[in-house]
Amino acid sequence: MTPHEVLTLIKEKSIKYVDFKFQDFPGTWQHFTVPSHCLEAESFEDGFGFDGSSIRGWQAINESDMLILPDPTTAFVDPFREHSTLSLTCSILDPITLQPYTRDPRNVAKKCEEYIKSTGIADTVYFGPEAEFFVFDHVRFGQEANYGMYEIDSVEGIWNSDAECDGHNLGHRPRHKEGYFPVPPTDTLQDLRSEMVDVLISLGIDVEAHHHEVATAGQCEIDMRFGPLVRMADQLMIYKYVLKNVAARHGKTVTFMPKPMYGDNGSGMHVHSSLWKNGKPLFAGDKYAGLSPLALHYIGGILKHADALIAFCAPTTNSYKRLVPGYEAPVNLAYSQRNRSAAVRIPMYSPSPKAKRVEFRCPDPSCNPYFAFAAIAMAGIDGILNKTDPGDPLDKNLYDLPPEELAKVPKVPGSLAEAVTALEKDHQFLLQGDVFTQDVIDTWIEYKRTQEILPCNLRPTPYEFFLYYDC
């Protein structure tokens, strides 16, 4: 939509409110709302003021004034609000210079798209994330000086096999690691996912499929068709918003936390990407797995910078409860066709050049998609510019390799602390084209260390009592 079309829609639909949505530094959508008459044609150039000091990772209180700039192309009527509300995704401006704010994740993603065009390598980078999630019926958590606990529950949880619900138990529950594709009644969430898909489609998001995922207790996946970097990151934020609100309608809760449950698969977000120019795909060729030399160099860049990338792509302490052997998570930095145990996979579903893409399997859905997609693209472009050799592919089950052979395969960082340190040492590729600024890198590292790593290190866990209380 254009600004004029947005204003016309507000009149035609008798929209009462306009909701401005933007993303904070770690990756959560924020918003504020104004009466619809406050939105004028000039608003799309002048923006609206707000307090940036109250947003995580942003301004100090002595420089708190910021501007949001609504993007008319992101307009949709919010399907969950009682009062008619138009939603607009926004970018952030400095009110003094009127320049894009460097710590705004959306601005970083926009600069990445511009940088890729400036290299002459490609004019479009497409992304297709596969964001997994859990649907729970109940969650409790808390920690104080004298206690720490969490509790989740799901009618699908295998632990409820002997529990009664409304005085009876029908017994159909997916066992650990056996939740992939069972039909109802074992899959209790088909209608809920279909409702989620209906809402996504109504908002203009192209959905390809939905299904139950591997874990017990309501793990699911809904797949969106690929799109350009910024648009795909925008859509992923809408995706999370829709799924959480549809679940809430039904008294359920959705989480994108990577590893909310012990003993079963966590939620990943396998990220597919490809480069195109003048409407033609650039990854198809006659090399390994039908790839072009350019695509192999793109993979080389991802593998070379993987440790640093993961600080953005698996950005929580909980992410590294998922990135462990034995639960289908790719901890070995290798590439392969079809092989899901490799960090980088080349899907082989279709011989079409348009379908040729690279799948990076380490990310999870807790990430900030604007930062994560931009970082992946920057690593790939760095690989192309430097003709980085990805090495030989590894077409074996990496979990079954002999120890001496497996020891030669590089591993992902084992903790968020290790990933952040890797980013600290290797981030020059992100600074190219001023896509990520040094301020963004430094703030991300400081935020992760002070707000997440240190607080988790300071707190005892329930299992530590089991291990050590009687020592």
Protein backbone atom coordinates (compact mmCIF):
# COMPACT_ATOMS: atom_id res chain seq x y z
CA MET A 1 0.00 0.00 0.00
CA THR A 2 0.89 3.65 -0.44
CA PRO A 3 0.19 6.23 2.30
CA HIS A 4 -2.86 7.37 0.33
CA GLU A 5 -4.18 3.81 0.12
CA VAL A 6 -3.67 3.35 3.87
CA LEU A 7 -5.67 6.49 4.63
CA THR A 8 -8.38 5.39 2.20
CA LEU A 9 -8.57 1.98 3.88
CA ILE A 10 -8.99 3.65 7.27
CA LYS A 11 -12.00 5.55 5.93
CA GLU A 12 -13.55 2.62 4.08
CA LYS A 13 -13.20 0.22 7.03
CA SER A 14 -14.10 2.85 9.67
CA ILE A 15 -10.82 2.09 11.46
CA LYS A 16 -10.76 3.67 14.92
CA TYR A 17 -7.14 3.11 15.92
CA VAL A 18 -3.71 2.78 14.35
CA ASP A 19 -1.19 0.54 16.09
CA PHE A 20 2.52 1.19 15.51
CA LYS A 21 4.65 -1.93 15.94
CA PHE A 22 8.44 -2.03 16.08
CA GLN A 23 11.07 -4.40 17.39
CA ASP A 24 13.26 -3.87 20.43
CA PHE A 25 16.96 -4.72 20.39
CA PRO A 26 16.73 -8.37 21.59
CA GLY A 27 13.86 -9.14 19.22
CA THR A 28 10.42 -8.65 20.79
CA TRP A 29 7.64 -6.65 19.13
CA GLN A 30 6.64 -3.45 20.95
CA HIS A 31 3.73 -1.14 20.12
CA PHE A 32 1.70 1.93 20.91
CA THR A 33 -1.64 3.06 19.55
CA VAL A 34 -3.14 6.36 18.39
CA PRO A 35 -6.67 7.32 17.27
CA SER A 36 -6.88 6.91 13.51
CA HIS A 37 -7.44 10.63 12.88
CA CYS A 38 -3.88 11.24 14.12
CA LEU A 39 -2.46 9.45 11.09
CA GLU A 40 -2.04 11.84 8.16
CA ALA A 41 -0.19 11.70 4.86
CA GLU A 42 2.69 13.66 6.45
CA SER A 43 2.97 11.03 9.21
CA PHE A 44 4.70 8.68 6.78
CA GLU A 45 7.50 11.26 6.41
CA ASP A 46 7.49 13.00 9.80
CA GLY A 47 6.87 9.99 12.05
CA PHE A 48 5.70 9.94 15.68
CA GLY A 49 7.76 10.57 18.80
CA PHE A 50 8.24 8.13 21.68
CA ASP A 51 10.57 7.39 24.60
CA GLY A 52 13.47 5.27 23.35
CA SER A 53 15.10 4.96 26.79
CA SER A 54 12.41 2.51 27.91
CA ILE A 55 13.21 0.06 25.09
CA ARG A 56 15.68 -2.72 25.87
CA GLY A 57 19.18 -2.06 24.51
CA TRP A 58 18.39 1.41 23.17
CA GLN A 59 18.88 4.98 24.33
CA ALA A 60 20.07 6.41 27.65
CA ILE A 61 17.49 8.48 29.55
CA ASN A 62 19.29 11.73 28.71
CA GLU A 63 18.82 11.07 24.96
CA SER A 64 15.50 9.26 25.02
CA ASP A 65 13.51 11.03 22.28
CA MET A 66 13.09 8.88 19.16
CA LEU A 67 10.84 8.80 16.09
CA ILE A 68 8.96 5.88 14.58
CA LEU A 69 8.38 5.96 10.84
CA PRO A 70 5.43 3.79 9.74
CA ASP A 71 5.87 1.69 6.59
CA PRO A 72 2.62 1.79 4.55
CA THR A 73 3.48 -1.47 2.76
CA THR A 74 3.10 -3.37 6.05
CA ALA A 75 -0.49 -2.33 6.78
CA PHE A 76 -3.02 -4.92 7.94
CA VAL A 77 -6.24 -4.84 9.94
CA ASP A 78 -5.51 -6.52 13.26
CA PRO A 79 -7.79 -9.57 13.51
CA PHE A 80 -7.53 -9.83 17.31
CA ARG A 81 -8.58 -6.39 18.53
CA GLU A 82 -12.10 -5.66 19.75
CA HIS A 83 -11.92 -2.10 18.42
CA SER A 84 -11.08 -1.82 14.70
CA THR A 85 -7.32 -1.32 14.53
CA LEU A 86 -4.89 -0.94 11.64
CA SER A 87 -1.38 -2.26 12.27
CA LEU A 88 1.73 -0.65 10.76
CA THR A 89 5.28 -1.94 11.17
CA CYS A 90 7.74 0.88 11.74
CA SER A 91 11.40 1.76 11.44
CA ILE A 92 13.16 4.07 13.90
CA LEU A 93 14.76 7.47 13.24
CA ASP A 94 17.03 9.73 15.27
CA PRO A 95 14.91 12.87 15.84
CA ILE A 96 17.92 15.21 15.53
CA THR A 97 19.54 13.90 12.37
CA LEU A 98 16.43 12.20 10.96
CA GLN A 99 18.73 9.33 9.99
CA PRO A 100 17.81 5.67 10.52
CA TYR A 101 18.67 4.63 14.07
CA THR A 102 21.63 2.24 14.01
CA ARG A 103 20.28 -0.01 16.78
CA ASP A 104 16.92 -0.51 15.10
CA PRO A 105 17.03 -4.14 13.87
CA ARG A 106 14.79 -3.35 10.90
CA ASN A 107 17.16 -0.64 9.72
CA VAL A 108 20.06 -3.11 9.90
CA ALA A 109 18.13 -5.51 7.67
CA LYS A 110 17.28 -2.74 5.20
CA LYS A 111 20.95 -1.72 5.00
CA CYS A 112 21.87 -5.35 4.34
CA GLU A 113 19.58 -5.46 1.32
CA GLU A 114 21.08 -2.21 0.03
CA TYR A 115 24.64 -3.45 0.58
CA ILE A 116 24.03 -6.66 -1.37
CA LYS A 117 22.74 -4.62 -4.32
CA SER A 118 25.79 -2.35 -4.12
CA THR A 119 28.18 -5.29 -4.49
CA GLY A 120 26.68 -6.14 -7.88
CA ILE A 121 26.51 -9.80 -6.87
CA ALA A 122 22.73 -9.93 -6.54
CA ASP A 123 19.73 -7.65 -6.28
CA THR A 124 17.59 -9.85 -4.01
CA VAL A 125 18.29 -12.19 -1.13
CA TYR A 126 15.42 -14.49 -0.30
CA PHE A 127 14.82 -16.09 3.10
CA GLY A 128 12.52 -18.91 4.15
CA PRO A 129 12.54 -19.67 7.90
CA GLU A 130 10.95 -22.82 9.36
CA ALA A 131 10.05 -21.66 12.85
CA GLU A 132 9.06 -24.47 15.23
CA PHE A 133 7.10 -23.82 18.42
CA PHE A 134 5.35 -25.51 21.33
CA VAL A 135 1.68 -25.17 22.25
CA PHE A 136 1.18 -25.72 25.98
CA ASP A 137 -1.96 -25.72 28.10
CA HIS A 138 -0.26 -24.44 31.23
CA VAL A 139 3.02 -22.80 32.26
CA ARG A 140 4.40 -21.56 35.57
CA PHE A 141 7.87 -20.28 36.36
CA GLY A 142 9.63 -18.20 38.97
CA GLN A 143 12.84 -17.67 40.90
CA GLU A 144 13.56 -15.78 44.08
CA ALA A 145 16.31 -16.00 46.68
CA ASN A 146 14.71 -19.04 48.31
CA TYR A 147 13.24 -20.99 45.38
CA GLY A 148 13.41 -21.64 41.67
CA MET A 149 10.92 -23.58 39.55
CA TYR A 150 9.17 -24.01 36.23
CA GLU A 151 6.25 -26.21 35.23
CA ILE A 152 4.71 -26.85 31.82
CA ASP A 153 1.77 -29.03 30.90
CA SER A 154 0.07 -30.21 27.75
CA VAL A 155 -2.84 -32.55 27.13
CA GLU A 156 -0.51 -34.11 24.53
CA GLY A 157 2.35 -34.62 27.01
CA ILE A 158 3.45 -38.25 27.23
CA TRP A 159 3.71 -37.78 31.00
CA ASN A 160 -0.10 -37.45 31.03
CA SER A 161 -0.61 -41.01 29.73
CA ASP A 162 -2.04 -42.07 33.10
CA ALA A 163 -3.81 -38.80 33.90
CA GLU A 164 -7.54 -38.29 33.73
CA CYS A 165 -9.07 -35.33 31.93
CA ASP A 166 -12.73 -34.67 32.73
CA GLY A 167 -12.92 -38.09 34.34
CA HIS A 168 -11.47 -40.07 31.43
CA ASN A 169 -8.32 -40.64 29.38
CA LEU A 170 -8.33 -41.57 25.69
CA GLY A 171 -4.63 -42.49 25.73
CA HIS A 172 -3.49 -40.99 22.42
CA ARG A 173 -0.29 -39.06 23.13
CA PRO A 174 2.93 -38.79 21.08
CA ARG A 175 5.90 -40.46 22.73
CA HIS A 176 9.22 -38.63 23.05
CA LYS A 177 10.69 -38.06 19.56
CA GLU A 178 7.61 -39.66 17.92
CA GLY A 179 5.49 -36.57 17.34
CA TYR A 180 6.33 -36.16 13.66
CA PHE A 181 3.18 -36.38 11.49
CA PRO A 182 0.80 -38.52 13.63
CA VAL A 183 -2.85 -38.10 12.62
CA PRO A 184 -5.58 -37.06 15.07
CA PRO A 185 -6.55 -37.92 17.73
CA THR A 186 -2.85 -38.12 18.67
CA ASP A 187 -2.33 -34.78 16.94
CA THR A 188 -4.79 -32.69 18.93
CA LEU A 189 -3.69 -29.41 17.38
CA GLN A 190 -4.63 -29.74 13.71
CA ASP A 191 -7.68 -27.48 13.93
CA LEU A 192 -5.77 -24.93 16.01
CA ARG A 193 -2.95 -24.80 13.44
CA SER A 194 -5.49 -24.54 10.59
CA GLU A 195 -7.04 -21.53 12.33
CA MET A 196 -3.58 -19.99 12.65
CA VAL A 197 -2.99 -20.57 8.94
CA ASP A 198 -6.38 -19.04 8.06
CA VAL A 199 -5.44 -15.86 9.90
CA LEU A 200 -1.97 -15.72 8.33
CA ILE A 201 -3.42 -16.12 4.84
CA SER A 202 -6.02 -13.43 5.55
CA LEU A 203 -3.11 -11.07 6.32
CA GLY A 204 -1.46 -11.81 2.97
CA ILE A 205 1.13 -14.31 4.19
CA ASP A 206 1.67 -17.24 1.84
CA VAL A 207 1.66 -20.47 3.87
CA GLU A 208 2.92 -23.72 2.36
CA ALA A 209 2.16 -26.34 5.04
CA HIS A 210 1.54 -27.03 8.71
CA HIS A 211 2.17 -30.14 10.80
CA HIS A 212 3.00 -31.60 14.18
CA GLU A 213 6.71 -31.72 14.96
CA VAL A 214 8.94 -34.39 16.51
CA ALA A 215 8.54 -33.68 20.22
CA THR A 216 5.69 -34.68 22.48
CA ALA A 217 3.56 -32.05 24.26
CA GLY A 218 2.45 -29.97 21.29
CA GLN A 219 5.49 -29.16 19.16
CA CYS A 220 4.38 -27.79 15.76
CA GLU A 221 5.57 -26.06 12.62
CA ILE A 222 3.88 -23.78 10.08
CA ASP A 223 5.91 -23.03 6.96
CA MET A 224 5.75 -19.76 5.06
CA ARG A 225 6.80 -19.33 1.44
CA PHE A 226 10.13 -17.55 1.04
CA GLY A 227 10.39 -13.78 0.59
CA PRO A 228 12.91 -10.92 0.45
CA LEU A 229 14.94 -10.35 3.62
CA VAL A 230 13.14 -7.40 5.23
CA ARG A 231 9.69 -8.56 4.20
CA MET A 232 10.39 -12.05 5.54
CA ALA A 233 11.57 -10.67 8.88
CA ASP A 234 8.40 -8.53 9.04
CA GLN A 235 6.32 -11.62 8.29
CA LEU A 236 8.04 -13.66 10.97
CA MET A 237 7.05 -11.06 13.56
CA ILE A 238 3.44 -11.22 12.31
CA TYR A 239 3.70 -15.04 12.39
CA LYS A 240 4.65 -15.02 16.07
CA TYR A 241 1.96 -12.47 16.88
CA VAL A 242 -0.76 -14.47 15.12
CA LEU A 243 0.20 -17.83 16.61
CA LYS A 244 0.34 -16.51 20.16
CA ASN A 245 -2.99 -14.72 19.87
CA VAL A 246 -4.85 -17.60 18.22
CA ALA A 247 -3.58 -19.91 20.96
CA ALA A 248 -4.70 -17.42 23.63
CA ARG A 249 -8.22 -17.46 22.12
CA HIS A 250 -8.36 -21.14 22.98
CA GLY A 251 -6.84 -20.91 26.44
CA LYS A 252 -3.46 -22.18 25.26
CA THR A 253 -0.02 -20.62 25.11
CA VAL A 254 2.61 -20.67 22.34
CA THR A 255 6.33 -20.40 23.04
CA PHE A 256 9.27 -20.04 20.67
CA MET A 257 11.72 -20.80 23.49
CA PRO A 258 14.23 -23.23 21.94
CA LYS A 259 14.29 -25.86 24.69
CA PRO A 260 11.37 -25.58 27.11
CA MET A 261 11.26 -29.31 27.89
CA TYR A 262 13.91 -31.77 29.05
CA GLY A 263 14.36 -35.08 27.25
CA ASP A 264 12.92 -34.26 23.83
CA ASN A 265 13.68 -32.24 20.72
CA GLY A 266 13.89 -28.48 21.01
CA SER A 267 12.51 -25.94 18.56
CA GLY A 268 14.81 -24.88 15.76
CA MET A 269 14.35 -22.44 12.92
CA HIS A 270 16.05 -23.81 9.83
CA VAL A 271 16.74 -20.81 7.61
CA HIS A 272 16.74 -21.21 3.80
CA SER A 273 18.36 -18.49 1.73
CA SER A 274 19.23 -17.82 -1.91
CA LEU A 275 20.52 -15.00 -4.07
CA TRP A 276 18.84 -13.79 -7.26
CA LYS A 277 19.66 -11.17 -9.89
CA ASN A 278 17.43 -9.77 -12.62
CA GLY A 279 14.81 -12.37 -11.74
CA LYS A 280 17.19 -15.31 -12.12
CA PRO A 281 18.46 -17.64 -9.37
CA LEU A 282 22.22 -17.61 -8.77
CA PHE A 283 22.65 -20.77 -6.70
CA ALA A 284 21.95 -23.36 -9.42
CA GLY A 285 24.90 -24.87 -11.28
CA ASP A 286 26.82 -28.02 -12.12
CA LYS A 287 28.88 -28.39 -8.95
CA TYR A 288 28.12 -30.47 -5.86
CA ALA A 289 24.38 -30.97 -5.24
CA GLY A 290 23.57 -28.92 -8.33
CA LEU A 291 25.10 -25.76 -6.87
CA SER A 292 26.97 -22.96 -8.59
CA PRO A 293 30.50 -21.92 -7.50
CA LEU A 294 28.90 -18.76 -6.10
CA ALA A 295 26.60 -20.85 -3.88
CA LEU A 296 29.54 -22.92 -2.61
CA HIS A 297 31.40 -19.75 -1.70
CA TYR A 298 28.25 -18.52 0.07
CA ILE A 299 28.30 -21.73 2.12
CA GLY A 300 32.00 -21.22 2.75
CA GLY A 301 31.28 -17.80 4.25
CA ILE A 302 28.58 -19.19 6.53
CA LEU A 303 30.82 -21.99 7.79
CA LYS A 304 33.81 -19.67 8.22
CA HIS A 305 31.83 -17.22 10.35
CA ALA A 306 29.43 -19.71 11.93
CA ASP A 307 30.66 -19.27 15.51
CA ALA A 308 30.05 -15.52 15.34
CA LEU A 309 26.79 -15.92 13.41
CA ILE A 310 25.37 -18.12 16.13
CA ALA A 311 25.57 -15.24 18.62
CA PHE A 312 22.71 -13.72 16.58
CA CYS A 313 21.07 -16.92 15.31
CA ALA A 314 20.96 -18.87 18.60
CA PRO A 315 21.01 -15.87 20.93
CA THR A 316 19.77 -17.20 24.29
CA THR A 317 21.35 -19.26 27.03
CA ASN A 318 18.50 -21.71 26.47
CA SER A 319 19.52 -22.10 22.80
CA TYR A 320 22.46 -24.25 23.87
CA LYS A 321 20.19 -26.73 25.63
CA ARG A 322 18.96 -27.47 22.08
CA LEU A 323 22.34 -27.44 20.34
CA VAL A 324 23.50 -30.79 21.74
CA PRO A 325 24.00 -34.17 20.03
CA GLY A 326 21.14 -36.66 19.90
CA TYR A 327 18.15 -34.39 19.32
CA GLU A 328 18.53 -33.63 15.58
CA ALA A 329 20.22 -30.30 16.31
CA PRO A 330 23.20 -29.60 14.02
CA VAL A 331 26.23 -29.19 16.29
CA ASN A 332 28.78 -30.11 13.59
CA LEU A 333 29.87 -27.40 11.17
CA ALA A 334 29.75 -29.18 7.83
CA TYR A 335 27.62 -29.07 4.68
CA SER A 336 25.83 -31.82 2.82
CA GLN A 337 22.99 -32.54 0.43
CA ARG A 338 19.89 -34.00 2.10
CA ASN A 339 21.77 -34.69 5.35
CA ARG A 340 19.90 -33.14 8.27
CA SER A 341 22.74 -33.75 10.70
CA ALA A 342 24.90 -31.11 8.94
CA ALA A 343 24.83 -27.43 9.94
CA VAL A 344 24.34 -26.48 6.29
CA ARG A 345 22.08 -28.61 4.10
CA ILE A 346 21.26 -28.35 0.40
CA PRO A 347 17.63 -29.49 -0.03
CA MET A 348 17.16 -31.84 -2.98
CA TYR A 349 13.36 -31.90 -3.29
CA SER A 350 13.27 -30.31 -6.73
CA PRO A 351 15.62 -30.14 -9.77
CA SER A 352 14.32 -26.66 -10.61
CA PRO A 353 17.03 -23.94 -10.53
CA LYS A 354 14.51 -21.71 -8.74
CA ALA A 355 14.35 -24.19 -5.86
CA LYS A 356 18.12 -24.29 -5.32
CA ARG A 357 18.89 -22.83 -1.92
CA VAL A 358 21.05 -23.20 1.18
CA GLU A 359 19.61 -24.20 4.54
CA PHE A 360 21.42 -23.07 7.71
CA ARG A 361 20.11 -25.32 10.48
CA CYS A 362 21.69 -23.81 13.61
CA PRO A 363 19.29 -20.87 14.19
CA ASP A 364 16.31 -21.09 16.51
CA PRO A 365 13.11 -19.01 16.71
CA SER A 366 14.22 -17.03 19.77
CA CYS A 367 16.40 -14.97 17.44
CA ASN A 368 15.82 -11.43 16.26
CA PRO A 369 15.07 -12.20 12.57
CA TYR A 370 16.26 -8.85 11.26
CA PHE A 371 19.69 -9.36 12.84
CA ALA A 372 19.86 -13.11 12.15
CA PHE A 373 18.89 -12.91 8.45
CA ALA A 374 21.19 -9.94 7.88
CA ALA A 375 24.11 -11.70 9.60
CA ILE A 376 23.62 -14.89 7.53
CA ALA A 377 23.49 -12.87 4.31
CA MET A 378 26.58 -10.86 5.25
CA ALA A 379 28.54 -14.05 6.00
CA GLY A 380 27.48 -15.54 2.68
CA ILE A 381 28.37 -12.40 0.72
CA ASP A 382 31.75 -12.28 2.49
CA GLY A 383 32.33 -15.86 1.35
CA ILE A 384 31.49 -14.91 -2.25
CA LEU A 385 33.70 -11.81 -2.26
CA ASN A 386 36.64 -13.78 -0.84
CA LYS A 387 35.88 -17.00 -2.78
CA THR A 388 35.88 -18.95 0.49
CA ASP A 389 36.24 -22.69 -0.02
CA PRO A 390 33.70 -24.61 2.08
CA GLY A 391 35.88 -27.73 1.98
CA ASP A 392 34.59 -31.17 1.16
CA PRO A 393 30.96 -32.08 1.86
CA LEU A 394 30.22 -34.66 4.50
CA ASP A 395 27.55 -37.05 3.23
CA LYS A 396 27.45 -39.22 6.32
CA ASN A 397 25.39 -39.37 9.48
CA LEU A 398 27.56 -37.11 11.57
CA TYR A 399 26.26 -38.62 14.79
CA ASP A 400 27.51 -42.07 13.74
CA LEU A 401 31.06 -41.09 12.78
CA PRO A 402 33.96 -42.81 14.59
CA PRO A 403 35.31 -40.58 17.40
CA GLU A 404 38.62 -39.97 15.63
CA GLU A 405 36.84 -38.80 12.46
CA LEU A 406 34.21 -36.77 14.33
CA ALA A 407 36.97 -34.95 16.24
CA LYS A 408 38.11 -33.40 12.96
CA VAL A 409 34.69 -31.82 12.29
CA PRO A 410 34.38 -28.30 13.80
CA LYS A 411 31.62 -27.83 16.37
CA VAL A 412 29.27 -24.96 17.13
CA PRO A 413 29.89 -23.00 20.33
CA GLY A 414 28.73 -24.87 23.43
CA SER A 415 27.23 -21.86 25.17
CA LEU A 416 26.02 -18.33 24.57
CA ALA A 417 29.15 -17.07 26.32
CA GLU A 418 31.34 -18.87 23.75
CA ALA A 419 29.26 -17.56 20.85
CA VAL A 420 29.42 -13.97 22.11
CA THR A 421 33.20 -14.23 22.51
CA ALA A 422 33.42 -15.54 18.94
CA LEU A 423 31.40 -12.54 17.74
CA GLU A 424 33.72 -10.24 19.65
CA LYS A 425 36.69 -11.70 17.75
CA ASP A 426 35.04 -12.06 14.32
CA HIS A 427 32.67 -9.33 13.19
CA GLN A 428 34.46 -7.32 10.51
CA PHE A 429 32.37 -9.04 7.85
CA LEU A 430 29.25 -7.60 9.51
CA LEU A 431 30.58 -4.04 9.40
CA GLN A 432 30.90 -3.97 5.62
CA GLY A 433 28.64 -1.36 4.03
CA ASP A 434 27.91 -0.03 7.53
CA VAL A 435 25.23 -2.74 7.79
CA PHE A 436 26.00 -3.59 11.40
CA THR A 437 27.79 -0.76 13.17
CA GLN A 438 30.40 -1.27 15.87
CA ASP A 439 27.91 0.21 18.32
CA VAL A 440 25.37 -2.51 17.47
CA ILE A 441 27.97 -5.27 17.90
CA ASP A 442 29.25 -3.84 21.19
CA THR A 443 25.76 -3.28 22.57
CA TRP A 444 24.66 -6.81 21.61
CA ILE A 445 27.70 -8.35 23.35
CA GLU A 446 27.28 -6.22 26.47
CA TYR A 447 23.54 -6.88 26.65
CA LYS A 448 23.96 -10.64 26.34
CA ARG A 449 26.69 -10.75 28.96
CA THR A 450 25.08 -8.49 31.54
CA GLN A 451 21.37 -9.21 31.06
CA GLU A 452 21.37 -12.93 30.23
CA ILE A 453 24.66 -14.82 30.71
CA LEU A 454 25.63 -13.37 34.11
CA PRO A 455 22.11 -13.59 35.65
CA CYS A 456 21.82 -17.25 34.57
CA ASN A 457 25.28 -18.03 35.91
CA LEU A 458 24.36 -16.56 39.31
CA ARG A 459 21.22 -18.61 39.86
CA PRO A 460 21.09 -22.20 41.08
CA THR A 461 18.82 -24.60 39.16
CA PRO A 462 16.54 -27.31 40.58
CA TYR A 463 18.73 -30.04 39.13
CA GLU A 464 21.77 -28.68 40.96
CA PHE A 465 19.93 -29.44 44.20
CA PHE A 466 19.44 -33.02 43.00
CA LEU A 467 23.15 -33.31 42.20
CA TYR A 468 24.76 -31.47 45.04
CA TYR A 469 22.47 -30.99 48.03
CA ASP A 470 23.93 -33.95 49.93
CA CYS A 471 27.57 -33.21 49.15
